[in-house]
Amino acid sequence: MPRRATRLLLTFVMLMAGLAAGTIATAGTAHADGCYTWSRTLSQGASGADVTQLQIRVAGYPGYGGVLALDGSYGPATAAAVKRFQQAYGLSADGVAGPNTFAKLYELQDNDCTPAHFTYAEMNKCNSDWSGGKVSAATAKSNALRTMWKLEALRHALGDKAINLSSGFRSVSCNAAVGGASNSRHMYGYAIDLVGSHSFCTLAKQARSHGFNTILGPGYPDHNDHVHLDHSSSRFWSAPNCGI
């Protein structure tokens, strides 16, 4: 059975069991999620690891040209990102992360914390353990998770149609084998190349609103057959054939 179908079935079984026991969900605490469970409503002024976990999942909603800091501090930028996430999924958009917002996030994430439509395997076609890059394996994998949640936002904005990934994490040796640049962001785990499904210009233009500091596409040298995205520390957008 596909993992999403299995997850939905388990959720239904848990719900029925709770109703049979006479339990009613209370705000922010009732849903036991296989990946991460929030235990309180979050709003401006909150801080902590639970805020960071929220920021990871709404990092694809910073607004045009924005990049949301994953700093564990629920400030105006986080509230705005939460509000855009809520608007994107038809929720009451108040910028406060409460039961309805968490319920949608639980629906979107799998037990390994990846978003519904992307996997670690897609992000790493080089090896199985994320080793050999420019950062530790744990950091590379963490960076890839951040990228996947931004891609989930991009995918939703493009009508929930599939986005095809051609290259994600590369070890130093994998990068050399494909002729990658010596300073390629792929070796850090947070770069991704997109192909097919949508026009390259559609991907490049929409990515400007989903937290990617680097966007390279048609018209940029060696990028006419894919769109490269990453979240480096400074912005560099270049896809001249797309008006970027």
C-alpha atoms as a PDB file:
ATOM      1  CA  MET A   1       0.000   0.000   0.000  1.00  0.00           C
ATOM      2  CA  PRO A   2       1.438   3.465  -0.880  1.00  0.00           C
ATOM      3  CA  ARG A   3       2.806   5.278   2.154  1.00  0.00           C
ATOM      4  CA  ARG A   4       0.287   8.142   1.898  1.00  0.00           C
ATOM      5  CA  ALA A   5      -2.634   5.707   1.814  1.00  0.00           C
ATOM      6  CA  THR A   6      -1.177   3.824   4.762  1.00  0.00           C
ATOM      7  CA  ARG A   7      -0.788   7.055   6.706  1.00  0.00           C
ATOM      8  CA  LEU A   8      -4.381   8.112   6.038  1.00  0.00           C
ATOM      9  CA  LEU A   9      -5.665   4.695   7.105  1.00  0.00           C
ATOM     10  CA  LEU A  10      -3.690   4.860  10.357  1.00  0.00           C
ATOM     11  CA  THR A  11      -4.981   8.364  11.029  1.00  0.00           C
ATOM     12  CA  PHE A  12      -8.562   7.152  10.527  1.00  0.00           C
ATOM     13  CA  VAL A  13      -8.031   4.193  12.857  1.00  0.00           C
ATOM     14  CA  MET A  14      -6.530   6.461  15.551  1.00  0.00           C
ATOM     15  CA  LEU A  15      -9.435   8.876  15.211  1.00  0.00           C
ATOM     16  CA  MET A  16     -11.999   6.138  15.558  1.00  0.00           C
ATOM     17  CA  ALA A  17     -10.192   4.728  18.571  1.00  0.00           C
ATOM     18  CA  GLY A  18     -10.189   8.135  20.213  1.00  0.00           C
ATOM     19  CA  LEU A  19     -13.882   8.642  19.609  1.00  0.00           C
ATOM     20  CA  ALA A  20     -14.670   5.197  20.946  1.00  0.00           C
ATOM     21  CA  ALA A  21     -12.811   6.038  24.126  1.00  0.00           C
ATOM     22  CA  GLY A  22     -14.761   9.252  24.472  1.00  0.00           C
ATOM     23  CA  THR A  23     -11.759  11.503  24.072  1.00  0.00           C
ATOM     24  CA  ILE A  24     -12.038  14.897  22.434  1.00  0.00           C
ATOM     25  CA  ALA A  25      -9.005  16.641  20.929  1.00  0.00           C
ATOM     26  CA  THR A  26      -7.877  19.781  22.735  1.00  0.00           C
ATOM     27  CA  ALA A  27      -6.037  22.630  21.036  1.00  0.00           C
ATOM     28  CA  GLY A  28      -2.502  21.812  19.986  1.00  0.00           C
ATOM     29  CA  THR A  29      -2.078  18.639  22.058  1.00  0.00           C
ATOM     30  CA  ALA A  30      -4.382  15.913  20.749  1.00  0.00           C
ATOM     31  CA  HIS A  31      -2.642  14.795  17.586  1.00  0.00           C
ATOM     32  CA  ALA A  32       0.224  12.354  18.171  1.00  0.00           C
ATOM     33  CA  ASP A  33       2.228  12.578  14.959  1.00  0.00           C
ATOM     34  CA  GLY A  34       4.848  10.080  13.866  1.00  0.00           C
ATOM     35  CA  CYS A  35       7.318  12.817  12.975  1.00  0.00           C
ATOM     36  CA  TYR A  36       6.776  15.739  15.309  1.00  0.00           C
ATOM     37  CA  THR A  37       3.904  16.878  17.538  1.00  0.00           C
ATOM     38  CA  TRP A  38       3.372  20.466  18.627  1.00  0.00           C
ATOM     39  CA  SER A  39       2.052  20.809  22.180  1.00  0.00           C
ATOM     40  CA  ARG A  40       1.072  24.478  22.219  1.00  0.00           C
ATOM     41  CA  THR A  41      -0.332  27.205  20.013  1.00  0.00           C
ATOM     42  CA  LEU A  42       2.450  29.419  18.648  1.00  0.00           C
ATOM     43  CA  SER A  43       2.286  33.136  17.928  1.00  0.00           C
ATOM     44  CA  GLN A  44       4.511  36.195  17.873  1.00  0.00           C
ATOM     45  CA  GLY A  45       6.795  36.318  20.895  1.00  0.00           C
ATOM     46  CA  ALA A  46       7.134  32.540  21.231  1.00  0.00           C
ATOM     47  CA  SER A  47      10.534  30.890  20.996  1.00  0.00           C
ATOM     48  CA  GLY A  48      12.003  27.431  21.191  1.00  0.00           C
ATOM     49  CA  ALA A  49      12.610  24.238  19.263  1.00  0.00           C
ATOM     50  CA  ASP A  50       8.926  23.922  18.374  1.00  0.00           C
ATOM     51  CA  VAL A  51       9.107  27.293  16.631  1.00  0.00           C
ATOM     52  CA  THR A  52      12.123  26.085  14.638  1.00  0.00           C
ATOM     53  CA  GLN A  53      10.212  22.965  13.602  1.00  0.00           C
ATOM     54  CA  LEU A  54       7.368  25.182  12.410  1.00  0.00           C
ATOM     55  CA  GLN A  55       9.750  27.478  10.541  1.00  0.00           C
ATOM     56  CA  ILE A  56      11.243  24.537   8.646  1.00  0.00           C
ATOM     57  CA  ARG A  57       7.782  23.635   7.364  1.00  0.00           C
ATOM     58  CA  VAL A  58       6.658  27.139   6.385  1.00  0.00           C
ATOM     59  CA  ALA A  59      10.032  28.262   5.005  1.00  0.00           C
ATOM     60  CA  GLY A  60       8.564  28.014   1.519  1.00  0.00           C
ATOM     61  CA  TYR A  61       6.187  30.891   2.275  1.00  0.00           C
ATOM     62  CA  PRO A  62       8.448  33.902   2.998  1.00  0.00           C
ATOM     63  CA  GLY A  63       7.010  36.067   0.216  1.00  0.00           C
ATOM     64  CA  TYR A  64       8.686  37.302  -2.962  1.00  0.00           C
ATOM     65  CA  GLY A  65      12.452  37.448  -2.510  1.00  0.00           C
ATOM     66  CA  GLY A  66      12.295  36.535   1.146  1.00  0.00           C
ATOM     67  CA  VAL A  67      14.178  33.870   3.095  1.00  0.00           C
ATOM     68  CA  LEU A  68      12.797  32.823   6.466  1.00  0.00           C
ATOM     69  CA  ALA A  69      15.390  32.474   9.226  1.00  0.00           C
ATOM     70  CA  LEU A  70      15.236  29.199  11.151  1.00  0.00           C
ATOM     71  CA  ASP A  71      16.129  30.842  14.445  1.00  0.00           C
ATOM     72  CA  GLY A  72      13.458  29.532  16.802  1.00  0.00           C
ATOM     73  CA  SER A  73      12.035  33.030  17.283  1.00  0.00           C
ATOM     74  CA  TYR A  74       8.428  33.683  16.257  1.00  0.00           C
ATOM     75  CA  GLY A  75       8.723  37.203  14.900  1.00  0.00           C
ATOM     76  CA  PRO A  76       6.829  39.131  12.204  1.00  0.00           C
ATOM     77  CA  ALA A  77       8.493  37.206   9.346  1.00  0.00           C
ATOM     78  CA  THR A  78       7.425  33.851  10.791  1.00  0.00           C
ATOM     79  CA  ALA A  79       3.902  35.143  11.408  1.00  0.00           C
ATOM     80  CA  ALA A  80       3.728  36.348   7.796  1.00  0.00           C
ATOM     81  CA  ALA A  81       4.969  32.990   6.486  1.00  0.00           C
ATOM     82  CA  VAL A  82       2.403  31.140   8.601  1.00  0.00           C
ATOM     83  CA  LYS A  83      -0.297  33.451   7.272  1.00  0.00           C
ATOM     84  CA  ARG A  84       0.702  32.739   3.654  1.00  0.00           C
ATOM     85  CA  PHE A  85       0.738  29.010   4.404  1.00  0.00           C
ATOM     86  CA  GLN A  86      -2.743  29.277   5.889  1.00  0.00           C
ATOM     87  CA  GLN A  87      -3.988  31.217   2.865  1.00  0.00           C
ATOM     88  CA  ALA A  88      -2.464  28.665   0.497  1.00  0.00           C
ATOM     89  CA  TYR A  89      -4.475  25.853   2.113  1.00  0.00           C
ATOM     90  CA  GLY A  90      -7.713  27.716   2.706  1.00  0.00           C
ATOM     91  CA  LEU A  91      -7.314  28.071   6.471  1.00  0.00           C
ATOM     92  CA  SER A  92      -8.249  31.058   8.593  1.00  0.00           C
ATOM     93  CA  ALA A  93      -5.231  33.289   7.971  1.00  0.00           C
ATOM     94  CA  ASP A  94      -4.281  34.976  11.234  1.00  0.00           C
ATOM     95  CA  GLY A  95      -0.560  34.169  11.379  1.00  0.00           C
ATOM     96  CA  VAL A  96      -1.055  32.120  14.550  1.00  0.00           C
ATOM     97  CA  ALA A  97      -0.095  28.455  14.434  1.00  0.00           C
ATOM     98  CA  GLY A  98      -2.871  26.585  16.201  1.00  0.00           C
ATOM     99  CA  PRO A  99      -4.749  23.284  15.860  1.00  0.00           C
ATOM    100  CA  ASN A 100      -5.907  23.800  12.255  1.00  0.00           C
ATOM    101  CA  THR A 101      -2.470  24.831  11.060  1.00  0.00           C
ATOM    102  CA  PHE A 102      -0.827  21.901  12.811  1.00  0.00           C
ATOM    103  CA  ALA A 103      -3.437  19.506  11.439  1.00  0.00           C
ATOM    104  CA  LYS A 104      -2.559  20.570   7.893  1.00  0.00           C
ATOM    105  CA  LEU A 105       1.154  20.161   8.608  1.00  0.00           C
ATOM    106  CA  TYR A 106       0.538  16.679  10.047  1.00  0.00           C
ATOM    107  CA  GLU A 107      -1.365  15.828   6.878  1.00  0.00           C
ATOM    108  CA  LEU A 108       1.505  17.050   4.730  1.00  0.00           C
ATOM    109  CA  GLN A 109       4.376  15.301   6.499  1.00  0.00           C
ATOM    110  CA  ASP A 110       5.426  11.678   6.626  1.00  0.00           C
ATOM    111  CA  ASN A 111       6.880   9.874   9.625  1.00  0.00           C
ATOM    112  CA  ASP A 112      10.447  10.685   8.563  1.00  0.00           C
ATOM    113  CA  CYS A 113       9.503  14.390   8.542  1.00  0.00           C
ATOM    114  CA  THR A 114       9.736  14.743   4.767  1.00  0.00           C
ATOM    115  CA  PRO A 115       6.833  16.510   3.060  1.00  0.00           C
ATOM    116  CA  ALA A 116       4.205  14.421   1.319  1.00  0.00           C
ATOM    117  CA  HIS A 117       5.532  14.658  -2.217  1.00  0.00           C
ATOM    118  CA  PHE A 118       9.309  14.457  -1.771  1.00  0.00           C
ATOM    119  CA  THR A 119      11.710  11.894  -0.338  1.00  0.00           C
ATOM    120  CA  TYR A 120      15.269  11.682   0.885  1.00  0.00           C
ATOM    121  CA  ALA A 121      15.948   9.182  -1.903  1.00  0.00           C
ATOM    122  CA  GLU A 122      15.019  11.794  -4.506  1.00  0.00           C
ATOM    123  CA  MET A 123      17.302  14.319  -2.861  1.00  0.00           C
ATOM    124  CA  ASN A 124      20.292  11.988  -2.746  1.00  0.00           C
ATOM    125  CA  LYS A 125      21.018   9.828  -5.770  1.00  0.00           C
ATOM    126  CA  CYS A 126      24.723   9.752  -4.942  1.00  0.00           C
ATOM    127  CA  ASN A 127      24.928   7.441  -1.922  1.00  0.00           C
ATOM    128  CA  SER A 128      22.811   6.073   0.903  1.00  0.00           C
ATOM    129  CA  ASP A 129      24.388   7.766   3.917  1.00  0.00           C
ATOM    130  CA  TRP A 130      24.870  11.429   2.902  1.00  0.00           C
ATOM    131  CA  SER A 131      28.616  11.181   3.486  1.00  0.00           C
ATOM    132  CA  GLY A 132      31.527  12.662   1.572  1.00  0.00           C
ATOM    133  CA  GLY A 133      30.222  16.184   1.043  1.00  0.00           C
ATOM    134  CA  LYS A 134      31.513  19.524   2.276  1.00  0.00           C
ATOM    135  CA  VAL A 135      29.543  19.201   5.533  1.00  0.00           C
ATOM    136  CA  SER A 136      28.733  16.356   7.879  1.00  0.00           C
ATOM    137  CA  ALA A 137      26.220  13.754   6.740  1.00  0.00           C
ATOM    138  CA  ALA A 138      23.741  14.948   9.372  1.00  0.00           C
ATOM    139  CA  THR A 139      24.008  18.553   8.196  1.00  0.00           C
ATOM    140  CA  ALA A 140      23.653  17.602   4.538  1.00  0.00           C
ATOM    141  CA  LYS A 141      20.521  15.609   5.308  1.00  0.00           C
ATOM    142  CA  SER A 142      19.106  18.436   7.422  1.00  0.00           C
ATOM    143  CA  ASN A 143      19.755  20.906   4.610  1.00  0.00           C
ATOM    144  CA  ALA A 144      17.972  18.598   2.182  1.00  0.00           C
ATOM    145  CA  LEU A 145      14.931  18.484   4.456  1.00  0.00           C
ATOM    146  CA  ARG A 146      14.726  22.280   4.452  1.00  0.00           C
ATOM    147  CA  THR A 147      14.885  22.244   0.654  1.00  0.00           C
ATOM    148  CA  MET A 148      12.113  19.643   0.389  1.00  0.00           C
ATOM    149  CA  TRP A 149       9.701  21.763   2.405  1.00  0.00           C
ATOM    150  CA  LYS A 150      10.388  24.721   0.128  1.00  0.00           C
ATOM    151  CA  LEU A 151       9.784  22.469  -2.859  1.00  0.00           C
ATOM    152  CA  GLU A 152       6.491  21.342  -1.332  1.00  0.00           C
ATOM    153  CA  ALA A 153       5.396  24.985  -1.227  1.00  0.00           C
ATOM    154  CA  LEU A 154       6.553  25.504  -4.804  1.00  0.00           C
ATOM    155  CA  ARG A 155       4.684  22.396  -5.929  1.00  0.00           C
ATOM    156  CA  HIS A 156       1.475  23.537  -4.247  1.00  0.00           C
ATOM    157  CA  ALA A 157       1.738  26.977  -5.851  1.00  0.00           C
ATOM    158  CA  LEU A 158       2.037  25.291  -9.246  1.00  0.00           C
ATOM    159  CA  GLY A 159      -1.262  23.478  -8.874  1.00  0.00           C
ATOM    160  CA  ASP A 160       0.003  20.425  -6.969  1.00  0.00           C
ATOM    161  CA  LYS A 161       1.495  18.989 -10.141  1.00  0.00           C
ATOM    162  CA  ALA A 162       4.631  16.871  -9.900  1.00  0.00           C
ATOM    163  CA  ILE A 163       8.053  18.488  -9.902  1.00  0.00           C
ATOM    164  CA  ASN A 164      10.861  16.283 -11.176  1.00  0.00           C
ATOM    165  CA  LEU A 165      14.264  16.380  -9.478  1.00  0.00           C
ATOM    166  CA  SER A 166      17.375  15.450 -11.427  1.00  0.00           C
ATOM    167  CA  SER A 167      20.181  16.102  -8.952  1.00  0.00           C
ATOM    168  CA  GLY A 168      20.359  16.879  -5.247  1.00  0.00           C
ATOM    169  CA  PHE A 169      23.097  16.044  -2.749  1.00  0.00           C
ATOM    170  CA  ARG A 170      26.466  15.046  -4.171  1.00  0.00           C
ATOM    171  CA  SER A 171      29.566  13.880  -2.376  1.00  0.00           C
ATOM    172  CA  VAL A 172      32.805  15.429  -3.546  1.00  0.00           C
ATOM    173  CA  SER A 173      33.460  12.383  -5.721  1.00  0.00           C
ATOM    174  CA  CYS A 174      29.931  12.326  -7.161  1.00  0.00           C
ATOM    175  CA  ASN A 175      30.207  16.030  -7.919  1.00  0.00           C
ATOM    176  CA  ALA A 176      33.509  15.527  -9.733  1.00  0.00           C
ATOM    177  CA  ALA A 177      32.078  12.613 -11.707  1.00  0.00           C
ATOM    178  CA  VAL A 178      29.312  14.774 -13.194  1.00  0.00           C
ATOM    179  CA  GLY A 179      31.595  17.742 -13.814  1.00  0.00           C
ATOM    180  CA  GLY A 180      30.120  19.903 -11.064  1.00  0.00           C
ATOM    181  CA  ALA A 181      31.725  23.160 -10.028  1.00  0.00           C
ATOM    182  CA  SER A 182      34.382  22.886  -7.327  1.00  0.00           C
ATOM    183  CA  ASN A 183      32.253  25.029  -5.004  1.00  0.00           C
ATOM    184  CA  SER A 184      28.926  23.424  -5.938  1.00  0.00           C
ATOM    185  CA  ARG A 185      26.169  23.897  -3.360  1.00  0.00           C
ATOM    186  CA  HIS A 186      25.098  20.326  -4.127  1.00  0.00           C
ATOM    187  CA  MET A 187      27.927  19.151  -1.863  1.00  0.00           C
ATOM    188  CA  TYR A 188      26.224  20.899   1.068  1.00  0.00           C
ATOM    189  CA  GLY A 189      22.885  19.160   0.577  1.00  0.00           C
ATOM    190  CA  TYR A 190      20.762  22.233  -0.072  1.00  0.00           C
ATOM    191  CA  ALA A 191      20.903  22.520  -3.861  1.00  0.00           C
ATOM    192  CA  ILE A 192      18.483  20.884  -6.258  1.00  0.00           C
ATOM    193  CA  ASP A 193      18.119  20.732 -10.039  1.00  0.00           C
ATOM    194  CA  LEU A 194      14.601  20.582 -11.492  1.00  0.00           C
ATOM    195  CA  VAL A 195      13.554  19.188 -14.866  1.00  0.00           C
ATOM    196  CA  GLY A 196      10.349  18.423 -16.746  1.00  0.00           C
ATOM    197  CA  SER A 197       6.729  18.696 -15.673  1.00  0.00           C
ATOM    198  CA  HIS A 198       6.650  22.493 -15.899  1.00  0.00           C
ATOM    199  CA  SER A 199       8.455  24.871 -18.224  1.00  0.00           C
ATOM    200  CA  PHE A 200      11.816  25.943 -16.872  1.00  0.00           C
ATOM    201  CA  CYS A 201      10.739  29.583 -16.855  1.00  0.00           C
ATOM    202  CA  THR A 202       7.610  28.724 -14.874  1.00  0.00           C
ATOM    203  CA  LEU A 203       9.754  26.991 -12.264  1.00  0.00           C
ATOM    204  CA  ALA A 204      12.345  29.748 -12.114  1.00  0.00           C
ATOM    205  CA  LYS A 205       9.798  32.552 -11.824  1.00  0.00           C
ATOM    206  CA  GLN A 206       7.691  30.857  -9.157  1.00  0.00           C
ATOM    207  CA  ALA A 207      10.753  29.876  -7.097  1.00  0.00           C
ATOM    208  CA  ARG A 208      11.312  33.579  -6.343  1.00  0.00           C
ATOM    209  CA  SER A 209       8.507  33.429  -3.791  1.00  0.00           C
ATOM    210  CA  HIS A 210       9.595  30.260  -1.992  1.00  0.00           C
ATOM    211  CA  GLY A 211      12.793  31.039  -0.138  1.00  0.00           C
ATOM    212  CA  PHE A 212      15.496  30.271  -2.699  1.00  0.00           C
ATOM    213  CA  ASN A 213      18.404  32.719  -2.762  1.00  0.00           C
ATOM    214  CA  THR A 214      19.936  31.101  -5.844  1.00  0.00           C
ATOM    215  CA  ILE A 215      17.898  30.556  -8.997  1.00  0.00           C
ATOM    216  CA  LEU A 216      19.711  29.641 -12.209  1.00  0.00           C
ATOM    217  CA  GLY A 217      17.869  28.777 -15.402  1.00  0.00           C
ATOM    218  CA  PRO A 218      17.593  29.260 -19.158  1.00  0.00           C
ATOM    219  CA  GLY A 219      20.076  31.784 -20.474  1.00  0.00           C
ATOM    220  CA  TYR A 220      22.559  31.221 -17.659  1.00  0.00           C
ATOM    221  CA  PRO A 221      25.581  29.186 -18.850  1.00  0.00           C
ATOM    222  CA  ASP A 222      24.939  25.415 -18.801  1.00  0.00           C
ATOM    223  CA  HIS A 223      21.417  25.823 -17.378  1.00  0.00           C
ATOM    224  CA  ASN A 224      19.218  25.679 -20.450  1.00  0.00           C
ATOM    225  CA  ASP A 225      18.091  22.136 -19.658  1.00  0.00           C
ATOM    226  CA  HIS A 226      17.248  22.519 -15.962  1.00  0.00           C
ATOM    227  CA  VAL A 227      16.609  24.998 -13.161  1.00  0.00           C
ATOM    228  CA  HIS A 228      19.019  25.080 -10.245  1.00  0.00           C
ATOM    229  CA  LEU A 229      17.772  26.206  -6.834  1.00  0.00           C
ATOM    230  CA  ASP A 230      19.543  26.563  -3.512  1.00  0.00           C
ATOM    231  CA  HIS A 231      19.416  28.680  -0.388  1.00  0.00           C
ATOM    232  CA  SER A 232      22.895  30.144  -0.195  1.00  0.00           C
ATOM    233  CA  SER A 233      23.465  33.096   2.113  1.00  0.00           C
ATOM    234  CA  SER A 234      23.246  35.776  -0.586  1.00  0.00           C
ATOM    235  CA  ARG A 235      20.878  36.208  -3.512  1.00  0.00           C
ATOM    236  CA  PHE A 236      21.872  35.421  -7.087  1.00  0.00           C
ATOM    237  CA  TRP A 237      19.062  34.986  -9.595  1.00  0.00           C
ATOM    238  CA  SER A 238      19.901  34.526 -13.266  1.00  0.00           C
ATOM    239  CA  ALA A 239      17.638  33.075 -15.922  1.00  0.00           C
ATOM    240  CA  PRO A 240      17.916  35.713 -18.671  1.00  0.00           C
ATOM    241  CA  ASN A 241      15.693  33.870 -21.125  1.00  0.00           C
ATOM    242  CA  CYS A 242      12.914  34.058 -18.525  1.00  0.00           C
ATOM    243  CA  GLY A 243      13.388  37.724 -17.718  1.00  0.00           C
ATOM    244  CA  ILE A 244      15.167  36.973 -14.448  1.00  0.00           C
END
